[in-house]
N, C-alpha and C. Protein backbone atom coordinates (compact mmCIF):
# COMPACT_ATOMS: atom_id res chain seq x y z
N MET A 1 68.98 102.76 76.24
CA MET A 1 68.84 102.89 77.69
C MET A 1 69.40 101.93 78.14
N LYS A 2 68.96 101.09 78.29
CA LYS A 2 69.49 99.82 79.14
C LYS A 2 70.66 99.60 79.11
N ASN A 3 71.47 100.30 77.96
CA ASN A 3 72.91 100.00 77.70
C ASN A 3 73.56 100.93 79.22
N ILE A 4 72.79 102.05 78.83
CA ILE A 4 73.41 103.12 79.72
C ILE A 4 73.07 103.09 81.06
N ALA A 5 71.90 102.41 81.68
CA ALA A 5 71.95 101.62 82.67
C ALA A 5 73.08 101.28 83.26
N LEU A 6 73.48 99.67 82.40
CA LEU A 6 74.56 98.85 82.84
C LEU A 6 75.87 99.75 83.08
N THR A 7 76.05 100.69 82.06
CA THR A 7 77.14 101.61 82.18
C THR A 7 77.45 102.12 83.21
N ALA A 8 76.51 102.89 83.68
CA ALA A 8 76.35 103.34 85.26
C ALA A 8 76.86 102.84 86.20
N ARG A 9 75.97 101.29 85.92
CA ARG A 9 76.08 100.40 87.15
C ARG A 9 77.65 99.88 87.02
N ARG A 10 78.56 99.73 86.03
CA ARG A 10 79.84 99.53 86.20
C ARG A 10 80.53 100.12 86.39
N ALA A 11 80.35 101.17 86.24
CA ALA A 11 81.00 102.51 86.74
C ALA A 11 80.89 102.80 88.00
N ARG A 12 79.74 102.68 88.64
CA ARG A 12 79.73 102.66 90.30
C ARG A 12 80.12 101.35 90.98
N THR A 13 80.38 100.47 90.20
CA THR A 13 81.03 99.42 90.79
C THR A 13 82.79 99.65 90.91
N VAL A 14 83.17 100.11 89.63
CA VAL A 14 84.44 100.23 89.41
C VAL A 14 85.01 101.56 90.71
N LEU A 15 84.04 102.39 90.50
CA LEU A 15 84.48 103.49 91.30
C LEU A 15 84.65 103.44 93.50
N ALA A 16 83.53 102.25 93.26
CA ALA A 16 83.65 102.13 94.40
C ALA A 16 84.67 100.59 95.40
N THR A 17 84.94 99.70 94.34
CA THR A 17 86.05 99.04 94.63
C THR A 17 87.38 99.91 94.09
N ALA A 18 87.85 100.96 93.34
CA ALA A 18 88.98 101.57 93.35
C ALA A 18 88.88 102.67 94.91
N SER A 19 87.94 102.94 95.04
CA SER A 19 87.98 103.78 96.78
C SER A 19 88.31 102.70 97.71
N PHE A 20 87.90 101.24 97.82
CA PHE A 20 88.09 100.26 98.61
C PHE A 20 89.78 100.03 98.94
N LEU A 21 90.42 100.03 97.51
CA LEU A 21 91.91 99.66 97.16
C LEU A 21 92.25 100.62 97.62
N THR A 22 92.24 102.15 97.49
CA THR A 22 92.72 103.23 97.58
C THR A 22 92.76 102.80 99.28
N ALA A 23 92.19 102.76 100.00
CA ALA A 23 91.74 103.45 101.45
C ALA A 23 92.62 102.38 102.18
N ILE A 24 92.67 100.85 101.55
CA ILE A 24 93.60 99.93 102.35
C ILE A 24 95.17 99.27 101.68
N SER A 25 95.34 100.46 100.62
CA SER A 25 95.96 99.74 99.93
C SER A 25 97.65 101.05 100.09
N CYS A 26 97.37 102.29 100.60
CA CYS A 26 97.99 103.18 100.85
C CYS A 26 99.09 103.33 102.05
N THR A 27 98.75 102.62 102.95
CA THR A 27 98.79 102.69 104.22
C THR A 27 99.62 101.29 104.96
N ALA A 28 100.67 101.22 105.60
CA ALA A 28 101.18 100.46 106.20
C ALA A 28 101.27 100.73 107.56
N TYR A 29 101.08 99.54 108.96
CA TYR A 29 101.30 100.23 109.95
C TYR A 29 103.23 99.58 110.31
N THR A 30 103.68 100.03 110.72
CA THR A 30 104.97 99.49 111.46
C THR A 30 105.13 99.43 113.21
N PRO A 31 105.50 98.62 113.79
CA PRO A 31 105.77 98.62 115.58
C PRO A 31 106.67 99.79 115.84
N ILE A 32 105.98 100.44 116.72
CA ILE A 32 106.97 101.50 117.30
C ILE A 32 106.87 101.34 118.80
N HIS A 33 107.65 101.52 120.17
CA HIS A 33 108.24 101.37 120.82
C HIS A 33 108.45 102.61 121.67
N GLY A 34 107.65 103.05 122.99
CA GLY A 34 107.90 103.66 123.66
C GLY A 34 107.79 105.34 122.77
N VAL A 35 108.85 105.91 123.13
CA VAL A 35 108.85 107.36 122.98
C VAL A 35 109.37 107.44 121.55
N GLU A 36 109.64 106.45 120.47
CA GLU A 36 110.01 106.53 119.14
C GLU A 36 109.10 107.19 118.46
N ALA A 37 107.88 107.10 118.68
CA ALA A 37 106.88 108.07 117.87
C ALA A 37 106.90 109.33 118.56
N ALA A 38 106.58 110.27 117.01
CA ALA A 38 106.56 111.54 117.36
C ALA A 38 104.91 112.06 117.11
N PRO A 39 104.79 112.68 118.05
CA PRO A 39 103.19 113.66 118.28
C PRO A 39 102.77 114.05 116.29
N GLY A 40 101.52 113.87 116.40
CA GLY A 40 100.89 114.14 115.29
C GLY A 40 100.54 112.86 113.79
N TYR A 41 101.83 111.74 114.42
CA TYR A 41 101.68 110.71 113.48
C TYR A 41 100.13 110.04 113.98
N ASP A 42 99.67 109.24 113.02
CA ASP A 42 98.52 108.00 113.10
C ASP A 42 99.04 107.09 113.69
N VAL A 43 98.19 106.67 115.19
CA VAL A 43 98.79 105.18 115.78
C VAL A 43 97.67 104.60 115.90
N ARG A 44 97.66 103.28 116.22
CA ARG A 44 97.11 101.88 116.50
C ARG A 44 97.53 101.31 117.16
N LEU A 45 96.53 101.46 118.72
CA LEU A 45 97.30 100.69 119.93
C LEU A 45 96.43 99.07 120.20
N ARG A 46 96.80 98.34 120.39
CA ARG A 46 96.23 97.35 120.90
C ARG A 46 96.49 96.78 122.24
N LEU A 47 95.36 96.89 122.97
CA LEU A 47 95.30 97.47 124.55
C LEU A 47 95.77 95.42 124.84
N ASN A 48 96.25 95.58 125.86
CA ASN A 48 96.30 94.36 126.96
C ASN A 48 94.94 93.89 128.12
N ASP A 49 95.21 93.23 128.42
CA ASP A 49 93.68 93.00 129.03
C ASP A 49 93.33 93.63 130.48
N LYS A 50 94.55 93.85 130.91
CA LYS A 50 94.32 95.09 131.82
C LYS A 50 94.02 96.20 131.34
N GLY A 51 94.69 96.94 130.36
CA GLY A 51 94.13 98.14 129.55
C GLY A 51 93.06 98.31 129.15
N ALA A 52 92.23 96.94 128.57
CA ALA A 52 90.56 96.89 128.14
C ALA A 52 89.84 97.26 129.84
N VAL A 53 90.29 96.83 130.76
CA VAL A 53 89.21 96.89 132.01
C VAL A 53 89.91 98.38 132.59
N ASP A 54 91.13 99.08 132.53
CA ASP A 54 91.38 100.01 132.96
C ASP A 54 90.88 101.35 132.10
N LEU A 55 90.45 101.22 130.56
CA LEU A 55 90.05 102.17 130.21
C LEU A 55 88.50 102.47 129.79
N ALA A 56 87.67 101.27 130.18
CA ALA A 56 86.62 101.06 129.85
C ALA A 56 85.56 102.28 130.31
N PRO A 57 86.02 103.02 131.64
CA PRO A 57 85.12 104.23 131.75
C PRO A 57 85.55 105.21 130.65
N LYS A 58 86.34 105.63 129.77
CA LYS A 58 86.98 106.27 128.64
C LYS A 58 86.21 105.92 127.77
N VAL A 59 86.65 104.72 127.37
CA VAL A 59 85.84 104.22 125.80
C VAL A 59 84.88 103.40 125.82
N GLY A 60 84.73 102.82 127.06
CA GLY A 60 83.83 101.72 126.77
C GLY A 60 83.64 100.40 126.71
N PRO A 61 83.26 99.22 127.35
CA PRO A 61 83.40 97.81 127.83
C PRO A 61 84.36 97.26 126.54
N ARG A 62 85.24 96.28 126.77
CA ARG A 62 85.76 95.17 125.69
C ARG A 62 86.45 96.21 124.55
N ALA A 63 86.86 97.11 124.84
CA ALA A 63 87.81 97.29 123.54
C ALA A 63 89.30 96.91 123.63
N ARG A 64 89.65 96.46 122.41
CA ARG A 64 91.12 96.16 122.35
C ARG A 64 91.89 96.74 121.53
N GLN A 65 91.67 97.76 120.61
CA GLN A 65 92.18 98.49 119.79
C GLN A 65 91.68 99.64 119.54
N LEU A 66 92.82 101.05 119.50
CA LEU A 66 92.44 102.40 119.59
C LEU A 66 92.94 102.95 118.52
N GLU A 67 92.42 103.25 117.87
CA GLU A 67 93.11 104.30 116.39
C GLU A 67 92.74 105.63 116.82
N GLY A 68 94.19 106.92 116.14
CA GLY A 68 93.56 108.13 116.37
C GLY A 68 95.19 108.61 116.04
N THR A 69 94.83 110.22 116.30
CA THR A 69 96.64 110.63 116.24
C THR A 69 97.09 110.90 117.78
N LEU A 70 98.27 110.43 117.79
CA LEU A 70 99.54 110.79 118.75
C LEU A 70 99.62 112.42 118.99
N LYS A 71 98.97 112.67 120.06
CA LYS A 71 99.28 114.12 120.71
C LYS A 71 100.48 114.20 121.53
N GLN A 72 100.49 113.35 122.40
CA GLN A 72 101.98 113.36 123.32
C GLN A 72 102.10 111.63 123.88
N VAL A 73 103.62 111.58 124.04
CA VAL A 73 104.00 110.86 124.23
C VAL A 73 105.02 111.01 125.70
N THR A 74 105.08 109.89 126.57
CA THR A 74 106.37 110.23 127.79
C THR A 74 106.78 108.63 127.90
N ASP A 75 107.61 108.47 129.03
CA ASP A 75 108.09 107.15 129.71
C ASP A 75 106.82 106.57 129.93
N SER A 76 106.00 106.93 130.20
CA SER A 76 104.65 105.72 131.25
C SER A 76 103.29 106.10 130.25
N SER A 77 103.40 106.97 129.30
CA SER A 77 102.09 106.73 128.58
C SER A 77 102.03 107.50 127.24
N MET A 78 100.69 107.49 126.68
CA MET A 78 100.59 108.04 125.39
C MET A 78 99.10 108.66 125.35
N VAL A 79 98.99 109.59 124.98
CA VAL A 79 97.90 110.76 125.03
C VAL A 79 97.45 110.88 123.39
N VAL A 80 96.28 109.96 122.78
CA VAL A 80 96.04 109.57 121.70
C VAL A 80 94.42 110.35 121.24
N SER A 81 94.00 110.81 120.89
CA SER A 81 93.01 111.48 120.00
C SER A 81 92.33 110.66 119.20
N VAL A 82 91.50 109.86 119.95
CA VAL A 82 91.23 108.85 119.45
C VAL A 82 89.84 108.77 118.33
N ARG A 83 90.20 107.84 117.13
CA ARG A 83 88.88 108.28 116.28
C ARG A 83 88.06 107.00 115.98
N ARG A 84 88.63 105.94 116.69
CA ARG A 84 88.19 104.69 116.25
C ARG A 84 88.41 103.81 117.61
N VAL A 85 87.24 102.87 117.79
CA VAL A 85 87.54 101.95 119.39
C VAL A 85 87.42 100.71 118.48
N VAL A 86 87.69 99.59 118.31
CA VAL A 86 87.55 98.44 118.00
C VAL A 86 87.32 97.01 119.13
N ARG A 87 86.43 96.63 119.54
CA ARG A 87 85.98 95.85 120.61
C ARG A 87 86.52 94.31 120.19
N GLU A 88 85.73 93.53 121.27
CA GLU A 88 85.85 92.24 120.99
C GLU A 88 84.94 92.27 120.66
N GLY A 89 84.87 90.81 119.26
CA GLY A 89 83.65 90.59 118.98
C GLY A 89 83.68 91.30 117.63
N GLN A 90 84.59 92.28 117.22
CA GLN A 90 84.68 92.72 116.19
C GLN A 90 83.94 94.10 116.15
N GLY A 91 82.94 94.52 117.04
CA GLY A 91 82.43 95.60 116.87
C GLY A 91 83.27 96.93 116.98
N GLN A 92 82.66 97.92 116.94
CA GLN A 92 83.74 98.97 116.55
C GLN A 92 82.73 100.47 116.89
N ASP A 93 83.55 101.46 117.09
CA ASP A 93 82.28 103.32 117.24
C ASP A 93 83.89 103.69 116.81
N THR A 94 83.24 105.05 116.59
CA THR A 94 84.21 105.90 115.79
C THR A 94 83.75 107.18 116.87
N TYR A 95 84.87 108.16 117.13
CA TYR A 95 84.56 109.00 118.27
C TYR A 95 84.92 110.34 117.38
N ASP A 96 84.69 111.58 117.74
CA ASP A 96 85.29 112.96 116.94
C ASP A 96 86.34 113.26 118.03
N ALA A 97 87.40 112.78 117.88
CA ALA A 97 88.40 113.06 118.51
C ALA A 97 88.45 113.32 119.93
N LEU A 98 88.13 111.89 120.36
CA LEU A 98 88.49 111.85 122.02
C LEU A 98 89.72 111.71 122.58
N ASP A 99 90.16 112.70 123.31
CA ASP A 99 91.38 112.72 123.77
C ASP A 99 91.60 111.78 124.83
N VAL A 100 92.65 110.80 124.95
CA VAL A 100 92.15 109.76 126.24
C VAL A 100 93.98 109.75 126.34
N THR A 101 94.52 109.24 127.81
CA THR A 101 95.76 109.18 128.10
C THR A 101 95.67 107.87 128.62
N ILE A 102 96.30 106.98 127.53
CA ILE A 102 96.80 105.77 127.75
C ILE A 102 98.46 105.31 128.54
N PRO A 103 98.13 104.86 129.88
CA PRO A 103 99.58 104.44 130.03
C PRO A 103 99.69 103.46 129.70
N SER A 104 101.38 103.21 129.80
CA SER A 104 102.57 102.25 128.78
C SER A 104 102.18 100.62 129.14
N GLN A 105 101.49 100.77 130.81
CA GLN A 105 101.35 98.81 131.09
C GLN A 105 100.55 98.63 130.31
N ASP A 106 99.20 99.27 130.17
CA ASP A 106 98.11 99.02 129.50
C ASP A 106 97.96 98.75 127.93
N ILE A 107 99.20 99.25 127.14
CA ILE A 107 99.33 98.59 126.00
C ILE A 107 100.05 97.68 125.64
N GLU A 108 99.58 96.60 124.66
CA GLU A 108 100.01 95.30 124.21
C GLU A 108 101.12 95.70 122.83
N THR A 109 100.56 96.45 121.79
CA THR A 109 101.76 96.78 120.97
C THR A 109 101.18 98.19 120.69
N ALA A 110 101.84 99.36 119.68
CA ALA A 110 101.95 100.49 118.94
C ALA A 110 102.46 100.03 117.89
N GLU A 111 101.68 100.72 116.97
CA GLU A 111 102.22 100.89 115.68
C GLU A 111 101.83 102.19 115.34
N THR A 112 102.38 102.75 114.14
CA THR A 112 102.45 104.29 113.47
C THR A 112 102.15 103.53 111.96
N SER A 113 101.27 104.81 111.29
CA SER A 113 100.84 104.46 110.14
C SER A 113 101.77 105.31 108.91
N ARG A 114 101.82 104.41 108.39
CA ARG A 114 102.88 105.23 107.19
C ARG A 114 102.49 104.99 105.97
N THR A 115 102.61 106.02 104.60
CA THR A 115 102.07 105.62 103.46
C THR A 115 103.63 104.44 103.00
N SER A 116 102.80 103.43 102.27
CA SER A 116 103.79 102.74 101.60
C SER A 116 103.50 102.93 100.21
N VAL A 117 104.83 103.44 99.40
CA VAL A 117 104.72 103.65 98.77
C VAL A 117 104.41 102.15 97.46
N PRO A 118 105.04 101.08 97.76
CA PRO A 118 104.81 100.04 96.69
C PRO A 118 103.33 99.72 96.80
N ARG A 119 102.41 99.63 97.70
CA ARG A 119 100.76 99.27 98.32
C ARG A 119 100.46 101.11 97.15
N SER A 120 100.60 102.31 97.17
CA SER A 120 100.28 103.02 96.28
C SER A 120 100.54 103.09 95.05
N ILE A 121 101.88 102.61 94.47
CA ILE A 121 101.68 102.18 93.08
C ILE A 121 100.94 101.50 92.87
N LEU A 122 100.56 100.30 93.46
CA LEU A 122 99.52 98.94 93.21
C LEU A 122 97.83 99.64 92.61
N ALA A 123 97.82 100.12 94.40
CA ALA A 123 96.42 101.09 93.96
C ALA A 123 96.33 102.02 92.96
N ALA A 124 97.21 102.51 92.38
CA ALA A 124 97.02 103.40 91.10
C ALA A 124 96.80 102.78 89.76
N GLY A 125 98.03 101.42 89.99
CA GLY A 125 97.55 100.58 88.67
C GLY A 125 96.40 100.20 88.85
N ALA A 126 95.42 99.62 89.90
CA ALA A 126 94.74 98.93 89.66
C ALA A 126 93.06 99.89 89.23
N ILE A 127 93.50 101.22 89.61
CA ILE A 127 92.55 102.11 89.38
C ILE A 127 92.24 102.58 88.12
N LEU A 128 93.54 102.75 87.45
CA LEU A 128 93.73 102.94 85.57
C LEU A 128 93.30 101.40 85.37
N ALA A 129 93.49 100.52 85.56
CA ALA A 129 92.92 99.28 84.59
C ALA A 129 91.52 99.37 84.71
N SER A 130 91.30 99.61 86.20
CA SER A 130 89.47 99.72 86.31
C SER A 130 88.56 100.96 84.98
N ALA A 131 89.39 101.48 85.20
CA ALA A 131 88.90 102.92 84.51
C ALA A 131 89.02 102.42 82.68
N PHE A 132 90.04 101.78 82.57
CA PHE A 132 90.53 101.61 81.37
C PHE A 132 89.20 100.72 80.79
N LEU A 133 89.09 99.61 81.59
CA LEU A 133 88.07 98.25 81.38
C LEU A 133 86.42 99.13 81.28
N VAL A 134 86.61 100.24 82.21
CA VAL A 134 84.93 100.69 82.11
C VAL A 134 84.77 101.53 80.69
N ALA A 135 85.79 102.15 80.62
CA ALA A 135 85.92 102.82 79.36
C ALA A 135 85.64 101.81 78.03
N LYS A 136 86.47 100.96 77.79
CA LYS A 136 86.00 100.06 76.87
C LYS A 136 85.09 99.39 76.86
N GLY A 137 84.63 98.72 78.04
CA GLY A 137 82.96 98.21 77.88
C GLY A 137 81.77 99.35 77.67
N ALA A 138 82.08 101.03 77.88
CA ALA A 138 81.09 101.87 77.34
C ALA A 138 81.47 101.94 75.78
N GLY A 139 82.75 102.17 75.35
CA GLY A 139 82.17 101.71 74.29
C GLY A 139 81.76 100.88 73.25
N ASP A 140 82.32 99.53 73.87
CA ASP A 140 81.51 98.18 72.83
C ASP A 140 80.08 98.46 73.27
N LEU A 141 79.43 98.93 74.53
CA LEU A 141 78.04 99.07 74.39
C LEU A 141 77.51 100.37 73.42
N SER A 142 78.31 101.09 73.21
CA SER A 142 77.65 102.55 72.73
C SER A 142 77.64 102.02 71.18
N GLY A 143 78.55 100.67 70.88
CA GLY A 143 78.93 100.84 69.37
C GLY A 143 80.25 100.87 68.76
N GLY A 144 81.11 101.25 69.48
CA GLY A 144 82.17 102.23 69.27
C GLY A 144 83.10 101.41 69.24
N GLY A 145 83.38 100.34 69.49
CA GLY A 145 84.01 99.20 69.87
C GLY A 145 84.45 98.06 68.45
N SER A 146 83.28 98.36 67.64
CA SER A 146 83.49 97.38 66.62
C SER A 146 84.78 97.37 65.80
N GLY A 147 85.31 98.08 65.72
CA GLY A 147 86.69 98.40 64.09
C GLY A 147 85.43 98.98 63.01
N ARG A 148 84.62 98.81 63.12
CA ARG A 148 83.76 98.40 61.64
C ARG A 148 83.21 100.49 61.29
N PRO A 149 83.54 101.05 60.36
CA PRO A 149 82.68 101.90 59.83
C PRO A 149 81.25 102.28 60.52
N ALA A 150 80.56 103.09 60.78
CA ALA A 150 79.34 102.88 60.72
C ALA A 150 78.38 103.24 59.02
N SER A 151 77.42 102.40 59.31
CA SER A 151 76.59 102.42 58.18
C SER A 151 76.05 103.77 58.04
N GLY A 152 75.74 103.48 56.44
CA GLY A 152 75.22 104.71 56.13
C GLY A 152 76.03 105.59 55.46
N GLY A 153 75.34 106.63 54.51
CA GLY A 153 75.97 108.25 53.92
C GLY A 153 76.76 107.83 52.84
N LYS A 154 77.42 108.11 52.16
CA LYS A 154 78.03 107.74 51.15
C LYS A 154 79.63 107.21 51.09
């Protein structure tokens, strides 16, 4: 019974690690400038000091970075459906699609997320290796990994 609990604990650890690797590995942010971005893409905007002050009534104080989906872009602003706000001191809040118009002069940097094929392949490899190790560990714990035939019988 103790072996089953240990195997279950290992499996949970591996699954949590695999989920974390998948989340951080498959997306890369690349810089965009002005109207290069098309609506519908996920974006990450870093606000300058003026932007943090200007947007405080909409997203709260000390906002430094906004993440969400780009809804509209013009020469003078971006409309973003904000899902996450990162604040000075590493605090953060999540929102359920809060539409915010951000003037271009308030944006220090703008990036769009893209799926990174090399990172995705590395994440898939890490997940497969982890699954193999868990399966091997489970076989060793249950006695299936000894390589000797089971005793008893003819």
